[in-house]
């Protein structure tokens, strides 16, 4: 009888361990740099490339 209880306890232990492992791994899912909740996340804006200027040509009339 005690062998059945030990197997049942081991199944519960494995399930609990699996749930804890899944919880820890999902906590590592935030990409990018971490920041404190009270701070605004840094904003990174790529500068726009300067428009190409065409050479001016003078027209004679």
PDB file of N, CA and C in Angstrom:
ATOM      1  N   UNK A   1       0.822  -1.193   0.000  1.00  0.00           N
ATOM      2  CA  UNK A   1       0.000   0.000   0.000  1.00  0.00           C
ATOM      3  C   UNK A   1       0.868   1.260   0.000  1.00  0.00           C
ATOM      4  N   UNK A   2       1.950   1.248   0.761  1.00  0.00           N
ATOM      5  CA  UNK A   2       2.790   2.448   0.843  1.00  0.00           C
ATOM      6  C   UNK A   2       3.512   2.701  -0.483  1.00  0.00           C
ATOM      7  N   UNK A   3       3.733   1.652  -1.284  1.00  0.00           N
ATOM      8  CA  UNK A   3       4.362   1.831  -2.585  1.00  0.00           C
ATOM      9  C   UNK A   3       3.451   2.617  -3.520  1.00  0.00           C
ATOM     10  N   UNK A   4       2.136   2.382  -3.448  1.00  0.00           N
ATOM     11  CA  UNK A   4       1.192   3.144  -4.266  1.00  0.00           C
ATOM     12  C   UNK A   4       1.176   4.610  -3.851  1.00  0.00           C
ATOM     13  N   UNK A   5       1.262   4.860  -2.572  1.00  0.00           N
ATOM     14  CA  UNK A   5       1.263   6.243  -2.089  1.00  0.00           C
ATOM     15  C   UNK A   5       2.535   6.948  -2.548  1.00  0.00           C
ATOM     16  N   UNK A   6       3.656   6.280  -2.525  1.00  0.00           N
ATOM     17  CA  UNK A   6       4.908   6.886  -2.955  1.00  0.00           C
ATOM     18  C   UNK A   6       4.883   7.194  -4.449  1.00  0.00           C
ATOM     19  N   UNK A   7       4.318   6.306  -5.255  1.00  0.00           N
ATOM     20  CA  UNK A   7       4.230   6.559  -6.691  1.00  0.00           C
ATOM     21  C   UNK A   7       3.307   7.737  -6.977  1.00  0.00           C
ATOM     22  N   UNK A   8       2.196   7.796  -6.254  1.00  0.00           N
ATOM     23  CA  UNK A   8       1.261   8.898  -6.437  1.00  0.00           C
ATOM     24  C   UNK A   8       1.926  10.217  -6.012  1.00  0.00           C
ATOM     25  N   UNK A   9       2.638  10.198  -4.914  1.00  0.00           N
ATOM     26  CA  UNK A   9       3.328  11.401  -4.446  1.00  0.00           C
ATOM     27  C   UNK A   9       4.397  11.818  -5.452  1.00  0.00           C
ATOM     28  N   UNK A  10       5.086  10.854  -6.048  1.00  0.00           N
ATOM     29  CA  UNK A  10       6.118  11.168  -7.033  1.00  0.00           C
ATOM     30  C   UNK A  10       5.503  11.796  -8.280  1.00  0.00           C
ATOM     31  N   UNK A  11       4.347  11.335  -8.700  1.00  0.00           N
ATOM     32  CA  UNK A  11       3.669  11.934  -9.854  1.00  0.00           C
ATOM     33  C   UNK A  11       3.291  13.386  -9.561  1.00  0.00           C
ATOM     34  N   UNK A  12       2.790  13.639  -8.364  1.00  0.00           N
ATOM     35  CA  UNK A  12       2.435  15.005  -7.984  1.00  0.00           C
ATOM     36  C   UNK A  12       3.682  15.880  -7.891  1.00  0.00           C
ATOM     37  N   UNK A  13       4.753  15.311  -7.387  1.00  0.00           N
ATOM     38  CA  UNK A  13       6.011  16.049  -7.273  1.00  0.00           C
ATOM     39  C   UNK A  13       6.530  16.418  -8.668  1.00  0.00           C
ATOM     40  N   UNK A  14       6.485  15.493  -9.609  1.00  0.00           N
ATOM     41  CA  UNK A  14       6.947  15.765 -10.970  1.00  0.00           C
ATOM     42  C   UNK A  14       6.075  16.825 -11.644  1.00  0.00           C
ATOM     43  N   UNK A  15       4.764  16.733 -11.430  1.00  0.00           N
ATOM     44  CA  UNK A  15       3.851  17.718 -12.006  1.00  0.00           C
ATOM     45  C   UNK A  15       4.127  19.107 -11.429  1.00  0.00           C
ATOM     46  N   UNK A  16       4.321  19.198 -10.134  1.00  0.00           N
ATOM     47  CA  UNK A  16       4.628  20.478  -9.493  1.00  0.00           C
ATOM     48  C   UNK A  16       5.949  21.032 -10.009  1.00  0.00           C
ATOM     49  N   UNK A  17       6.932  20.191 -10.169  1.00  0.00           N
ATOM     50  CA  UNK A  17       8.229  20.623 -10.685  1.00  0.00           C
ATOM     51  C   UNK A  17       8.099  21.128 -12.118  1.00  0.00           C
ATOM     52  N   UNK A  18       7.309  20.459 -12.930  1.00  0.00           N
ATOM     53  CA  UNK A  18       7.087  20.883 -14.313  1.00  0.00           C
ATOM     54  C   UNK A  18       6.375  22.238 -14.370  1.00  0.00           C
ATOM     55  N   UNK A  19       5.398  22.447 -13.513  1.00  0.00           N
ATOM     56  CA  UNK A  19       4.687  23.728 -13.472  1.00  0.00           C
ATOM     57  C   UNK A  19       5.628  24.844 -13.031  1.00  0.00           C
ATOM     58  N   UNK A  20       6.460  24.590 -12.045  1.00  0.00           N
ATOM     59  CA  UNK A  20       7.412  25.601 -11.587  1.00  0.00           C
ATOM     60  C   UNK A  20       8.419  25.933 -12.683  1.00  0.00           C
ATOM     61  N   UNK A  21       8.895  24.948 -13.389  1.00  0.00           N
ATOM     62  CA  UNK A  21       9.845  25.170 -14.470  1.00  0.00           C
ATOM     63  C   UNK A  21       9.202  25.990 -15.588  1.00  0.00           C
ATOM     64  N   UNK A  22       7.981  25.678 -15.934  1.00  0.00           N
ATOM     65  CA  UNK A  22       7.280  26.436 -16.974  1.00  0.00           C
ATOM     66  C   UNK A  22       7.071  27.885 -16.544  1.00  0.00           C
ATOM     67  N   UNK A  23       6.780  28.111 -15.273  1.00  0.00           N
ATOM     68  CA  UNK A  23       6.588  29.473 -14.766  1.00  0.00           C
ATOM     69  C   UNK A  23       7.878  30.264 -14.844  1.00  0.00           C
ATOM     70  N   UNK A  24       8.974  29.663 -14.479  1.00  0.00           N
ATOM     71  CA  UNK A  24      10.269  30.356 -14.528  1.00  0.00           C
ATOM     72  C   UNK A  24      10.653  30.675 -15.971  1.00  0.00           C
ATOM     73  N   UNK A  25      10.436  29.751 -16.871  1.00  0.00           N
ATOM     74  CA  UNK A  25      10.809  29.982 -18.262  1.00  0.00           C
ATOM     75  C   UNK A  25       9.941  31.035 -18.930  1.00  0.00           C
ATOM     76  N   UNK A  26       8.670  31.131 -18.577  1.00  0.00           N
ATOM     77  CA  UNK A  26       7.825  32.160 -19.170  1.00  0.00           C
ATOM     78  C   UNK A  26       8.162  33.531 -18.629  1.00  0.00           C
ATOM     79  N   UNK A  27       8.762  33.603 -17.460  1.00  0.00           N
ATOM     80  CA  UNK A  27       9.183  34.891 -16.911  1.00  0.00           C
ATOM     81  C   UNK A  27      10.361  35.467 -17.664  1.00  0.00           C
ATOM     82  N   UNK A  28      11.056  34.663 -18.428  1.00  0.00           N
ATOM     83  CA  UNK A  28      12.219  35.113 -19.192  1.00  0.00           C
ATOM     84  C   UNK A  28      11.819  35.520 -20.606  1.00  0.00           C
ATOM     85  N   UNK A  29      10.567  35.770 -20.865  1.00  0.00           N
ATOM     86  CA  UNK A  29      10.107  36.008 -22.219  1.00  0.00           C
ATOM     87  C   UNK A  29      10.134  37.458 -22.678  1.00  0.00           C
ATOM     88  N   UNK A  30      10.476  38.411 -21.790  1.00  0.00           N
ATOM     89  CA  UNK A  30      10.464  39.805 -22.221  1.00  0.00           C
ATOM     90  C   UNK A  30      11.742  40.119 -22.983  1.00  0.00           C
ATOM     91  N   UNK A  31      11.625  40.474 -24.267  1.00  0.00           N
ATOM     92  CA  UNK A  31      12.825  40.796 -25.032  1.00  0.00           C
ATOM     93  C   UNK A  31      13.264  42.233 -24.772  1.00  0.00           C
ATOM     94  N   UNK A  32      14.496  42.507 -25.061  1.00  0.00           N
ATOM     95  CA  UNK A  32      15.012  43.865 -24.949  1.00  0.00           C
ATOM     96  C   UNK A  32      15.486  44.173 -23.541  1.00  0.00           C
ATOM     97  N   UNK A  33      15.950  45.398 -23.352  1.00  0.00           N
ATOM     98  CA  UNK A  33      16.470  45.779 -22.044  1.00  0.00           C
ATOM     99  C   UNK A  33      15.344  45.885 -21.010  1.00  0.00           C
ATOM    100  N   UNK A  34      15.660  45.551 -19.779  1.00  0.00           N
ATOM    101  CA  UNK A  34      14.677  45.622 -18.714  1.00  0.00           C
ATOM    102  C   UNK A  34      14.649  47.026 -18.136  1.00  0.00           C
ATOM    103  N   UNK A  35      13.521  47.449 -17.609  1.00  0.00           N
ATOM    104  CA  UNK A  35      13.388  48.752 -16.993  1.00  0.00           C
ATOM    105  C   UNK A  35      12.457  48.627 -15.797  1.00  0.00           C
ATOM    106  N   UNK A  36      12.553  49.556 -14.874  1.00  0.00           N
ATOM    107  CA  UNK A  36      11.696  49.541 -13.704  1.00  0.00           C
ATOM    108  C   UNK A  36      10.290  49.984 -14.103  1.00  0.00           C
ATOM    109  N   UNK A  37       9.250  49.469 -13.441  1.00  0.00           N
ATOM    110  CA  UNK A  37       7.887  49.802 -13.834  1.00  0.00           C
ATOM    111  C   UNK A  37       7.564  51.294 -13.761  1.00  0.00           C
ATOM    112  N   UNK A  38       8.212  52.056 -12.880  1.00  0.00           N
ATOM    113  CA  UNK A  38       7.928  53.472 -12.734  1.00  0.00           C
ATOM    114  C   UNK A  38       8.541  54.322 -13.834  1.00  0.00           C
ATOM    115  N   UNK A  39       9.436  53.780 -14.606  1.00  0.00           N
ATOM    116  CA  UNK A  39      10.118  54.526 -15.650  1.00  0.00           C
ATOM    117  C   UNK A  39       9.484  54.226 -17.008  1.00  0.00           C
ATOM    118  N   UNK A  40       9.530  55.230 -17.858  1.00  0.00           N
ATOM    119  CA  UNK A  40       9.065  55.009 -19.228  1.00  0.00           C
ATOM    120  C   UNK A  40      10.151  54.264 -19.990  1.00  0.00           C
ATOM    121  N   UNK A  41       9.776  53.351 -20.861  1.00  0.00           N
ATOM    122  CA  UNK A  41      10.794  52.636 -21.633  1.00  0.00           C
ATOM    123  C   UNK A  41      11.502  53.592 -22.588  1.00  0.00           C
ATOM    124  N   UNK A  42      12.786  53.403 -22.810  1.00  0.00           N
ATOM    125  CA  UNK A  42      13.498  54.286 -23.740  1.00  0.00           C
ATOM    126  C   UNK A  42      12.964  54.113 -25.158  1.00  0.00           C
ATOM    127  N   UNK A  43      12.879  55.232 -25.857  1.00  0.00           N
ATOM    128  CA  UNK A  43      12.364  55.216 -27.225  1.00  0.00           C
ATOM    129  C   UNK A  43      13.524  55.418 -28.174  1.00  0.00           C
ATOM    130  N   UNK A  44      13.659  54.533 -29.114  1.00  0.00           N
ATOM    131  CA  UNK A  44      14.737  54.615 -30.094  1.00  0.00           C
ATOM    132  C   UNK A  44      14.121  54.908 -31.446  1.00  0.00           C
ATOM    133  N   UNK A  45      14.494  56.044 -32.029  1.00  0.00           N
ATOM    134  CA  UNK A  45      13.953  56.444 -33.322  1.00  0.00           C
ATOM    135  C   UNK A  45      15.099  56.522 -34.314  1.00  0.00           C
ATOM    136  N   UNK A  46      14.936  55.835 -35.434  1.00  0.00           N
ATOM    137  CA  UNK A  46      15.955  55.883 -36.478  1.00  0.00           C
ATOM    138  C   UNK A  46      15.857  57.224 -37.213  1.00  0.00           C
ATOM    139  N   UNK A  47      16.982  57.905 -37.421  1.00  0.00           N
ATOM    140  CA  UNK A  47      16.918  59.166 -38.168  1.00  0.00           C
ATOM    141  C   UNK A  47      16.592  58.900 -39.635  1.00  0.00           C
ATOM    142  N   UNK A  48      15.830  59.821 -40.205  1.00  0.00           N
ATOM    143  CA  UNK A  48      15.467  59.671 -41.613  1.00  0.00           C
ATOM    144  C   UNK A  48      16.653  60.083 -42.477  1.00  0.00           C
ATOM    145  N   UNK A  49      16.870  59.393 -43.573  1.00  0.00           N
ATOM    146  CA  UNK A  49      17.975  59.787 -44.455  1.00  0.00           C
ATOM    147  C   UNK A  49      17.671  61.141 -45.102  1.00  0.00           C
ATOM    148  N   UNK A  50      18.732  61.916 -45.316  1.00  0.00           N
ATOM    149  CA  UNK A  50      18.564  63.236 -45.926  1.00  0.00           C
ATOM    150  C   UNK A  50      18.101  63.060 -47.369  1.00  0.00           C
ATOM    151  N   UNK A  51      17.158  63.904 -47.812  1.00  0.00           N
ATOM    152  CA  UNK A  51      16.699  63.775 -49.205  1.00  0.00           C
ATOM    153  C   UNK A  51      17.816  64.165 -50.174  1.00  0.00           C
ATOM    154  N   UNK A  52      17.876  63.465 -51.285  1.00  0.00           N
ATOM    155  CA  UNK A  52      18.909  63.752 -52.280  1.00  0.00           C
ATOM    156  C   UNK A  52      18.523  65.029 -53.026  1.00  0.00           C
ATOM    157  N   UNK A  53      19.495  65.920 -53.154  1.00  0.00           N
ATOM    158  CA  UNK A  53      19.240  67.172 -53.876  1.00  0.00           C
ATOM    159  C   UNK A  53      19.780  67.030 -55.290  1.00  0.00           C
ATOM    160  N   UNK A  54      18.938  67.370 -56.234  1.00  0.00           N
ATOM    161  CA  UNK A  54      19.361  67.304 -57.625  1.00  0.00           C
ATOM    162  C   UNK A  54      20.139  68.575 -57.958  1.00  0.00           C
ATOM    163  N   UNK A  55      21.160  68.463 -58.776  1.00  0.00           N
ATOM    164  CA  UNK A  55      21.926  69.663 -59.131  1.00  0.00           C
ATOM    165  C   UNK A  55      21.047  70.615 -59.926  1.00  0.00           C
ATOM    166  N   UNK A  56      21.174  71.899 -59.605  1.00  0.00           N
ATOM    167  CA  UNK A  56      20.356  72.900 -60.287  1.00  0.00           C
ATOM    168  C   UNK A  56      20.987  73.229 -61.624  1.00  0.00           C
ATOM    169  N   UNK A  57      20.160  73.252 -62.612  1.00  0.00           N
ATOM    170  CA  UNK A  57      20.641  73.649 -63.950  1.00  0.00           C
ATOM    171  C   UNK A  57      19.927  74.927 -64.333  1.00  0.00           C
ATOM    172  N   UNK A  58      20.665  75.816 -64.910  1.00  0.00           N
ATOM    173  CA  UNK A  58      20.078  77.095 -65.329  1.00  0.00           C
ATOM    174  C   UNK A  58      19.570  76.967 -66.752  1.00  0.00           C
ATOM    175  N   UNK A  59      18.388  77.421 -66.939  1.00  0.00           N
ATOM    176  CA  UNK A  59      17.809  77.390 -68.278  1.00  0.00           C
ATOM    177  C   UNK A  59      17.926  78.791 -68.880  1.00  0.00           C
ATOM    178  N   UNK A  60      18.391  78.872 -70.083  1.00  0.00           N
ATOM    179  CA  UNK A  60      18.493  80.152 -70.774  1.00  0.00           C
ATOM    180  C   UNK A  60      17.364  80.257 -71.780  1.00  0.00           C
ATOM    181  N   UNK A  61      16.774  81.426 -71.836  1.00  0.00           N
ATOM    182  CA  UNK A  61      15.686  81.639 -72.781  1.00  0.00           C
ATOM    183  C   UNK A  61      16.115  82.486 -73.924  1.00  0.00           C
TER     184      UNK A  61
END
